[in-house]
Amino acid sequence: MADRKPFMGDLKIDKDLQGLLDASKTPLTDEELSEQRISFAYGNAPADAKTITKESVRRASKHILVNA
């Protein structure tokens, strides 16, 4: 079994890293969340789909409602 001693005891947390982690916990605005959804949908479109653009996904997102 692997020696786990380096992982036991007091951990020293890097303050810069902790600051970045804390900053990442801030909630997204509705606009940011919408842009993430648009980017996700565009990124999952077939690569050879010449008619699908990020703008076309943005337009479609305004007409398609998702029940949550």
C-alpha atoms as a PDB file:
ATOM      1  CA  MET A   1       0.000   0.000   0.000  1.00  0.00           C
ATOM      2  CA  ALA A   2       1.221   3.509  -0.794  1.00  0.00           C
ATOM      3  CA  ASP A   3       2.743   5.560   1.972  1.00  0.00           C
ATOM      4  CA  ARG A   4       0.262   8.328   2.818  1.00  0.00           C
ATOM      5  CA  LYS A   5       2.290  10.258   5.359  1.00  0.00           C
ATOM      6  CA  PRO A   6       2.820  13.286   3.081  1.00  0.00           C
ATOM      7  CA  PHE A   7      -0.953  13.765   3.086  1.00  0.00           C
ATOM      8  CA  MET A   8      -1.453  13.534   6.826  1.00  0.00           C
ATOM      9  CA  GLY A   9      -1.208  16.382   9.268  1.00  0.00           C
ATOM     10  CA  ASP A  10      -1.790  20.094   8.908  1.00  0.00           C
ATOM     11  CA  LEU A  11      -2.351  21.314   5.388  1.00  0.00           C
ATOM     12  CA  LYS A  12      -1.077  24.701   4.319  1.00  0.00           C
ATOM     13  CA  ILE A  13      -3.551  26.355   1.976  1.00  0.00           C
ATOM     14  CA  ASP A  14      -2.156  28.603  -0.726  1.00  0.00           C
ATOM     15  CA  LYS A  15      -3.789  32.012  -0.163  1.00  0.00           C
ATOM     16  CA  ASP A  16      -3.801  32.896  -3.879  1.00  0.00           C
ATOM     17  CA  LEU A  17      -5.482  29.620  -4.752  1.00  0.00           C
ATOM     18  CA  GLN A  18      -8.010  30.029  -1.945  1.00  0.00           C
ATOM     19  CA  GLY A  19      -8.820  33.520  -3.219  1.00  0.00           C
ATOM     20  CA  LEU A  20      -9.459  32.157  -6.708  1.00  0.00           C
ATOM     21  CA  LEU A  21     -11.657  29.384  -5.324  1.00  0.00           C
ATOM     22  CA  ASP A  22     -13.657  31.866  -3.257  1.00  0.00           C
ATOM     23  CA  ALA A  23     -14.086  34.172  -6.260  1.00  0.00           C
ATOM     24  CA  SER A  24     -15.383  31.270  -8.350  1.00  0.00           C
ATOM     25  CA  LYS A  25     -18.219  30.712  -5.883  1.00  0.00           C
ATOM     26  CA  THR A  26     -20.000  33.922  -6.811  1.00  0.00           C
ATOM     27  CA  PRO A  27     -23.322  33.193  -8.503  1.00  0.00           C
ATOM     28  CA  LEU A  28     -23.677  33.801 -12.222  1.00  0.00           C
ATOM     29  CA  THR A  29     -25.938  36.522 -13.497  1.00  0.00           C
ATOM     30  CA  ASP A  30     -28.825  35.490 -15.747  1.00  0.00           C
ATOM     31  CA  GLU A  31     -26.943  36.948 -18.714  1.00  0.00           C
ATOM     32  CA  GLU A  32     -23.763  34.979 -17.924  1.00  0.00           C
ATOM     33  CA  LEU A  33     -25.752  31.775 -17.486  1.00  0.00           C
ATOM     34  CA  SER A  34     -27.538  32.373 -20.783  1.00  0.00           C
ATOM     35  CA  GLU A  35     -24.222  32.897 -22.590  1.00  0.00           C
ATOM     36  CA  GLN A  36     -22.844  29.693 -21.076  1.00  0.00           C
ATOM     37  CA  ARG A  37     -25.870  27.760 -22.317  1.00  0.00           C
ATOM     38  CA  ILE A  38     -25.502  29.271 -25.781  1.00  0.00           C
ATOM     39  CA  SER A  39     -21.809  28.419 -25.856  1.00  0.00           C
ATOM     40  CA  PHE A  40     -22.548  24.862 -24.703  1.00  0.00           C
ATOM     41  CA  ALA A  41     -25.216  24.358 -27.377  1.00  0.00           C
ATOM     42  CA  TYR A  42     -22.968  25.803 -30.097  1.00  0.00           C
ATOM     43  CA  GLY A  43     -20.031  23.698 -28.962  1.00  0.00           C
ATOM     44  CA  ASN A  44     -22.135  20.541 -29.180  1.00  0.00           C
ATOM     45  CA  ALA A  45     -23.428  21.255 -32.677  1.00  0.00           C
ATOM     46  CA  PRO A  46     -22.059  19.006 -35.419  1.00  0.00           C
ATOM     47  CA  ALA A  47     -18.752  20.313 -36.741  1.00  0.00           C
ATOM     48  CA  ASP A  48     -19.922  20.049 -40.338  1.00  0.00           C
ATOM     49  CA  ALA A  49     -23.153  22.020 -39.762  1.00  0.00           C
ATOM     50  CA  LYS A  50     -22.510  25.109 -41.845  1.00  0.00           C
ATOM     51  CA  THR A  51     -25.829  26.802 -40.976  1.00  0.00           C
ATOM     52  CA  ILE A  52     -25.333  26.675 -37.213  1.00  0.00           C
ATOM     53  CA  THR A  53     -23.520  29.715 -35.891  1.00  0.00           C
ATOM     54  CA  LYS A  54     -23.234  31.060 -32.404  1.00  0.00           C
ATOM     55  CA  GLU A  55     -25.590  33.854 -33.431  1.00  0.00           C
ATOM     56  CA  SER A  56     -28.161  31.365 -34.772  1.00  0.00           C
ATOM     57  CA  VAL A  57     -28.009  29.485 -31.468  1.00  0.00           C
ATOM     58  CA  ARG A  58     -28.436  32.798 -29.631  1.00  0.00           C
ATOM     59  CA  ARG A  59     -31.549  33.613 -31.715  1.00  0.00           C
ATOM     60  CA  ALA A  60     -32.981  30.115 -31.209  1.00  0.00           C
ATOM     61  CA  SER A  61     -32.411  30.335 -27.455  1.00  0.00           C
ATOM     62  CA  LYS A  62     -34.807  33.279 -27.274  1.00  0.00           C
ATOM     63  CA  HIS A  63     -37.629  31.218 -28.795  1.00  0.00           C
ATOM     64  CA  ILE A  64     -37.135  27.853 -27.098  1.00  0.00           C
ATOM     65  CA  LEU A  65     -38.267  27.675 -23.493  1.00  0.00           C
ATOM     66  CA  VAL A  66     -37.063  24.952 -21.149  1.00  0.00           C
ATOM     67  CA  ASN A  67     -39.279  23.922 -18.261  1.00  0.00           C
ATOM     68  CA  ALA A  68     -37.184  23.706 -15.154  1.00  0.00           C
END
